[in-house]
N, C-alpha and C. Protein backbone atom coordinates (compact mmCIF):
# COMPACT_ATOMS: atom_id res chain seq x y z
N LEU A 1 43.34 -32.83 -74.48
CA LEU A 1 42.00 -32.03 -75.15
C LEU A 1 40.76 -30.78 -73.80
N ARG A 2 41.51 -31.32 -72.76
CA ARG A 2 39.98 -30.99 -71.61
C ARG A 2 41.18 -30.04 -71.88
N SER A 3 42.25 -29.42 -71.31
CA SER A 3 42.60 -28.04 -71.34
C SER A 3 42.46 -26.85 -72.76
N ALA A 4 41.88 -27.83 -73.81
CA ALA A 4 41.77 -27.14 -74.67
C ALA A 4 40.81 -26.49 -75.07
N VAL A 5 39.53 -27.01 -74.57
CA VAL A 5 37.88 -27.14 -75.16
C VAL A 5 37.74 -25.43 -73.33
N VAL A 6 38.67 -25.67 -72.29
CA VAL A 6 38.38 -25.15 -71.40
C VAL A 6 38.60 -24.23 -71.74
N ASN A 7 40.40 -24.12 -73.10
CA ASN A 7 40.42 -22.64 -73.06
C ASN A 7 39.86 -22.13 -74.12
N ILE A 8 39.25 -23.00 -74.58
CA ILE A 8 38.33 -22.84 -75.62
C ILE A 8 36.64 -21.23 -75.22
N LEU A 9 36.40 -22.24 -74.72
CA LEU A 9 35.25 -22.18 -73.46
C LEU A 9 35.41 -20.59 -72.85
N TYR A 10 36.26 -20.71 -71.91
CA TYR A 10 36.99 -19.07 -71.36
C TYR A 10 36.88 -17.93 -72.16
N GLN A 11 37.50 -18.42 -73.69
CA GLN A 11 37.51 -17.09 -74.71
C GLN A 11 36.60 -16.70 -74.50
N HIS A 12 35.50 -18.26 -75.22
CA HIS A 12 33.89 -17.28 -76.05
C HIS A 12 33.45 -17.04 -74.57
N ILE A 13 33.04 -16.76 -73.73
CA ILE A 13 32.46 -15.95 -72.44
C ILE A 13 33.66 -14.57 -71.91
N LEU A 14 34.79 -14.47 -72.60
CA LEU A 14 35.71 -13.91 -71.96
C LEU A 14 34.33 -12.33 -73.05
N HIS A 15 34.10 -12.83 -74.52
CA HIS A 15 34.02 -11.96 -74.94
C HIS A 15 32.25 -11.73 -75.65
N LEU A 16 31.60 -12.42 -74.50
CA LEU A 16 30.09 -12.69 -73.98
C LEU A 16 30.01 -10.90 -73.65
N SER A 17 28.96 -10.05 -73.94
CA SER A 17 28.46 -9.07 -72.65
C SER A 17 27.98 -9.43 -72.18
N ALA A 18 27.63 -7.72 -71.46
CA ALA A 18 26.73 -7.79 -69.78
C ALA A 18 25.10 -8.07 -70.07
N GLU A 19 24.51 -9.24 -71.36
CA GLU A 19 24.01 -9.14 -71.44
C GLU A 19 23.87 -10.80 -71.33
N GLY A 20 24.49 -11.23 -72.33
CA GLY A 20 24.78 -12.54 -72.04
C GLY A 20 25.32 -13.08 -70.69
N GLN A 21 25.90 -12.34 -69.98
CA GLN A 21 26.88 -13.35 -68.73
C GLN A 21 25.50 -12.51 -67.52
N GLN A 22 24.48 -12.22 -67.54
CA GLN A 22 23.43 -12.22 -66.98
C GLN A 22 23.35 -13.28 -66.82
N GLY A 23 23.32 -12.92 -64.58
CA GLY A 23 22.46 -13.63 -64.30
C GLY A 23 22.92 -15.40 -64.01
N LEU A 24 24.17 -14.65 -64.63
CA LEU A 24 25.83 -15.87 -64.20
C LEU A 24 26.30 -15.40 -63.26
N THR A 25 26.31 -16.41 -62.17
CA THR A 25 28.37 -15.60 -61.92
C THR A 25 29.12 -16.35 -62.42
N SER A 26 30.11 -15.34 -60.93
CA SER A 26 32.45 -16.85 -61.95
C SER A 26 31.74 -17.83 -61.50
N GLY A 27 30.87 -18.25 -60.76
CA GLY A 27 31.32 -19.62 -60.52
C GLY A 27 30.38 -20.37 -60.76
N GLU A 28 28.88 -20.53 -60.90
CA GLU A 28 28.43 -20.70 -61.86
C GLU A 28 29.17 -20.92 -63.37
N ILE A 29 29.72 -20.06 -63.85
CA ILE A 29 30.37 -20.64 -65.08
C ILE A 29 31.33 -21.78 -64.67
N THR A 30 32.24 -21.02 -64.16
CA THR A 30 33.72 -22.18 -63.98
C THR A 30 32.51 -23.72 -64.12
N ASN A 31 31.19 -23.81 -63.15
CA ASN A 31 31.28 -24.77 -62.78
C ASN A 31 30.00 -25.46 -64.24
N LEU A 32 29.12 -24.65 -64.80
CA LEU A 32 28.48 -24.93 -66.26
C LEU A 32 30.55 -25.21 -66.77
N ILE A 33 31.64 -25.03 -67.01
CA ILE A 33 32.34 -25.22 -67.90
C ILE A 33 33.17 -26.23 -67.62
N ALA A 34 33.21 -26.48 -66.04
CA ALA A 34 33.76 -28.38 -65.88
C ALA A 34 33.09 -29.01 -66.68
N VAL A 35 31.23 -28.89 -65.92
CA VAL A 35 30.89 -30.37 -66.42
C VAL A 35 30.33 -30.64 -67.81
N ASP A 36 29.94 -29.41 -68.50
CA ASP A 36 30.78 -30.00 -69.81
C ASP A 36 31.61 -30.25 -70.03
N THR A 37 32.87 -29.56 -70.09
CA THR A 37 34.55 -30.72 -70.61
C THR A 37 34.97 -32.14 -70.18
N GLN A 38 33.88 -32.66 -68.97
CA GLN A 38 33.44 -33.45 -68.43
C GLN A 38 33.01 -34.46 -69.60
N LYS A 39 32.06 -33.52 -69.74
CA LYS A 39 30.78 -34.93 -70.46
C LYS A 39 31.35 -35.33 -71.69
N ILE A 40 32.09 -34.35 -72.89
CA ILE A 40 32.82 -34.17 -73.71
C ILE A 40 34.68 -34.70 -73.50
N TYR A 41 35.08 -34.66 -72.32
CA TYR A 41 35.74 -35.79 -72.21
C TYR A 41 35.72 -37.16 -71.78
N GLU A 42 34.38 -37.53 -71.77
CA GLU A 42 33.48 -39.03 -71.26
C GLU A 42 32.71 -39.40 -72.77
N VAL A 43 32.37 -38.42 -74.11
CA VAL A 43 32.28 -38.78 -75.10
C VAL A 43 33.32 -39.59 -76.08
N THR A 44 34.48 -37.80 -75.99
CA THR A 44 36.29 -38.96 -76.77
C THR A 44 36.56 -39.99 -75.78
N GLN A 45 36.24 -40.78 -74.66
CA GLN A 45 37.48 -41.41 -74.19
C GLN A 45 35.91 -42.59 -74.52
N GLU A 46 34.62 -42.45 -74.92
CA GLU A 46 34.24 -44.31 -75.39
C GLU A 46 32.57 -44.37 -75.90
N ALA A 47 33.12 -42.77 -77.31
CA ALA A 47 32.74 -42.40 -78.62
C ALA A 47 33.28 -44.43 -79.93
N HIS A 48 35.01 -44.62 -79.47
CA HIS A 48 35.10 -45.29 -79.89
C HIS A 48 34.76 -46.95 -80.03
N LEU A 49 33.89 -47.10 -78.41
CA LEU A 49 33.25 -48.34 -78.19
C LEU A 49 31.72 -48.32 -79.38
N ILE A 50 31.36 -48.11 -79.53
CA ILE A 50 30.91 -48.66 -80.78
C ILE A 50 30.84 -49.13 -81.88
N TRP A 51 31.81 -48.65 -82.16
CA TRP A 51 33.04 -49.12 -83.57
C TRP A 51 33.90 -51.39 -82.73
N ALA A 52 34.45 -50.75 -81.59
CA ALA A 52 35.06 -51.27 -81.05
C ALA A 52 34.69 -52.70 -80.57
N LEU A 53 32.92 -52.78 -79.61
CA LEU A 53 32.10 -53.27 -78.81
C LEU A 53 32.15 -55.08 -79.99
N PRO A 54 31.54 -54.04 -81.38
CA PRO A 54 31.10 -54.94 -83.06
C PRO A 54 32.06 -55.87 -83.08
N LEU A 55 33.21 -55.34 -83.51
CA LEU A 55 34.13 -56.26 -84.12
C LEU A 55 34.63 -57.29 -82.92
N SER A 56 34.88 -56.89 -81.68
CA SER A 56 35.60 -57.53 -80.60
C SER A 56 34.57 -59.04 -80.48
N VAL A 57 33.05 -58.77 -80.69
CA VAL A 57 32.38 -59.90 -80.45
C VAL A 57 33.09 -60.95 -81.79
N LEU A 58 32.71 -59.67 -82.56
CA LEU A 58 33.42 -61.19 -84.18
C LEU A 58 34.38 -61.72 -84.45
N LEU A 59 34.64 -61.31 -83.63
CA LEU A 59 36.69 -61.78 -83.50
C LEU A 59 37.09 -62.62 -82.77
N ILE A 60 35.86 -61.75 -81.68
CA ILE A 60 35.84 -63.73 -80.44
C ILE A 60 34.98 -64.91 -80.48
N SER A 61 33.40 -64.60 -81.30
CA SER A 61 33.10 -65.50 -82.22
C SER A 61 34.08 -66.18 -82.69
N PHE A 62 34.24 -65.57 -83.44
CA PHE A 62 34.82 -66.88 -84.98
C PHE A 62 35.97 -67.46 -84.31
N PHE A 63 37.33 -67.27 -83.33
CA PHE A 63 37.67 -67.67 -83.03
C PHE A 63 37.27 -69.11 -82.22
N LEU A 64 36.76 -68.56 -81.27
CA LEU A 64 35.90 -69.70 -80.13
C LEU A 64 35.33 -70.62 -81.04
N TYR A 65 34.53 -70.06 -81.94
CA TYR A 65 33.78 -71.17 -83.16
C TYR A 65 35.37 -71.82 -84.25
N ARG A 66 36.29 -71.38 -83.99
CA ARG A 66 37.57 -71.93 -84.75
C ARG A 66 37.96 -73.28 -83.75
N THR A 67 38.10 -72.71 -82.10
CA THR A 67 38.56 -73.62 -81.65
C THR A 67 37.26 -74.68 -81.10
N MET A 68 36.56 -74.36 -81.03
CA MET A 68 34.79 -75.27 -79.68
C MET A 68 34.63 -76.10 -80.87
N GLY A 69 33.64 -75.25 -82.40
CA GLY A 69 32.97 -75.79 -83.15
C GLY A 69 31.53 -75.38 -82.84
N PRO A 70 30.66 -75.00 -83.68
CA PRO A 70 29.89 -75.00 -84.13
C PRO A 70 29.45 -74.37 -82.09
N SER A 71 29.06 -75.35 -81.23
CA SER A 71 28.38 -75.10 -80.00
C SER A 71 29.13 -73.90 -79.46
N THR A 72 29.84 -73.40 -80.12
CA THR A 72 29.58 -71.41 -80.28
C THR A 72 28.58 -70.66 -80.46
N LEU A 73 27.86 -70.65 -81.65
CA LEU A 73 26.69 -70.49 -81.86
C LEU A 73 25.63 -70.43 -81.21
N ALA A 74 25.43 -71.51 -80.59
CA ALA A 74 23.93 -71.18 -79.13
C ALA A 74 24.82 -70.37 -78.08
N GLY A 75 26.43 -69.87 -78.11
CA GLY A 75 26.23 -69.11 -76.30
C GLY A 75 26.28 -67.46 -77.22
N VAL A 76 27.24 -67.30 -78.43
CA VAL A 76 26.15 -66.07 -79.69
C VAL A 76 24.96 -65.63 -79.13
N GLY A 77 24.81 -66.92 -79.94
CA GLY A 77 23.04 -67.31 -79.45
C GLY A 77 21.99 -65.67 -78.33
N LEU A 78 22.77 -67.23 -77.93
CA LEU A 78 21.48 -66.33 -76.42
C LEU A 78 22.26 -64.98 -76.45
N LEU A 79 23.21 -64.68 -75.94
CA LEU A 79 24.05 -63.28 -76.14
C LEU A 79 23.18 -62.11 -77.18
N LEU A 80 22.56 -62.56 -77.98
CA LEU A 80 21.77 -62.09 -78.74
C LEU A 80 20.89 -62.15 -78.48
N VAL A 81 20.53 -62.88 -77.92
CA VAL A 81 18.85 -63.49 -77.38
C VAL A 81 18.66 -62.42 -75.80
N PHE A 82 19.61 -61.78 -74.92
CA PHE A 82 19.34 -60.99 -74.18
C PHE A 82 19.86 -59.36 -74.52
N VAL A 83 20.36 -59.20 -75.52
CA VAL A 83 20.22 -58.10 -75.71
C VAL A 83 19.13 -55.96 -75.39
N PRO A 84 18.17 -57.32 -76.26
CA PRO A 84 16.50 -56.40 -75.89
C PRO A 84 16.48 -56.52 -74.72
N LEU A 85 16.24 -57.43 -73.65
CA LEU A 85 16.29 -57.15 -72.18
C LEU A 85 17.09 -56.76 -71.31
N ILE A 86 18.40 -56.44 -71.87
CA ILE A 86 19.04 -55.56 -71.29
C ILE A 86 19.23 -54.13 -71.44
N LYS A 87 19.02 -53.69 -73.08
CA LYS A 87 18.40 -52.78 -73.51
C LYS A 87 16.94 -51.79 -72.46
N SER A 88 16.33 -53.24 -72.67
CA SER A 88 14.78 -52.16 -71.52
C SER A 88 14.76 -52.32 -70.37
N ILE A 89 15.78 -52.75 -69.85
CA ILE A 89 15.98 -52.71 -67.92
C ILE A 89 17.14 -51.03 -68.19
N THR A 90 18.42 -51.66 -69.01
CA THR A 90 18.72 -49.56 -68.97
C THR A 90 17.74 -48.44 -68.85
N LEU A 91 16.75 -48.99 -70.36
CA LEU A 91 15.97 -47.64 -70.01
C LEU A 91 14.94 -47.64 -69.17
N ARG A 92 14.68 -48.24 -68.45
CA ARG A 92 14.13 -48.31 -66.95
C ARG A 92 14.84 -47.06 -66.04
N MET A 93 16.55 -47.65 -66.46
CA MET A 93 17.05 -47.44 -64.92
C MET A 93 17.23 -46.04 -65.32
N LEU A 94 17.55 -45.04 -66.21
CA LEU A 94 17.74 -43.68 -67.31
C LEU A 94 16.45 -43.46 -66.29
N VAL A 95 15.13 -43.39 -66.89
CA VAL A 95 14.97 -43.07 -66.93
C VAL A 95 13.74 -42.58 -64.91
N THR A 96 14.38 -43.60 -63.98
CA THR A 96 14.01 -44.06 -62.75
C THR A 96 14.60 -42.09 -62.55
N ARG A 97 15.89 -42.81 -62.48
CA ARG A 97 16.93 -41.49 -62.82
C ARG A 97 16.48 -40.14 -63.28
N GLN A 98 16.07 -40.60 -64.11
CA GLN A 98 15.65 -39.10 -64.91
C GLN A 98 14.33 -38.42 -63.04
N LYS A 99 13.70 -39.46 -62.96
CA LYS A 99 12.56 -38.85 -62.46
C LYS A 99 13.36 -38.56 -61.54
N LYS A 100 14.47 -39.09 -59.84
CA LYS A 100 14.82 -38.64 -59.31
C LYS A 100 15.32 -37.11 -59.49
N SER A 101 16.39 -36.57 -60.78
CA SER A 101 17.08 -35.61 -60.22
C SER A 101 15.51 -34.84 -60.94
N LYS A 102 14.38 -34.79 -61.11
CA LYS A 102 13.81 -33.55 -61.16
C LYS A 102 12.91 -33.32 -59.82
N ASP A 103 13.14 -35.15 -59.51
CA ASP A 103 12.25 -34.72 -57.98
C ASP A 103 13.26 -33.67 -56.80
N CYS A 104 14.78 -33.69 -56.78
CA CYS A 104 16.17 -33.36 -56.63
C CYS A 104 16.09 -31.80 -56.56
């Protein structure tokens, strides 16, 4: 997949006019392609987690409930209570990283 995306991007760049390539060196173009393809690769590797993680939580909770009984619901409830806290911490970390990257 990654090599196919690189090939498509290079083919597109080869067809750019001189005006389209203006201000970009071959090293910059190579770097941009490498970064873009890496990001696409990461998305394809982790995109399935959007559906797989909730399904995993449901299945594991079901089997734990069958094994341990109602006490499992306390753990699942605690897990759900911490979701907003984790979300806010993650957002703060993202904002901090963005500020640091702008400063550099």
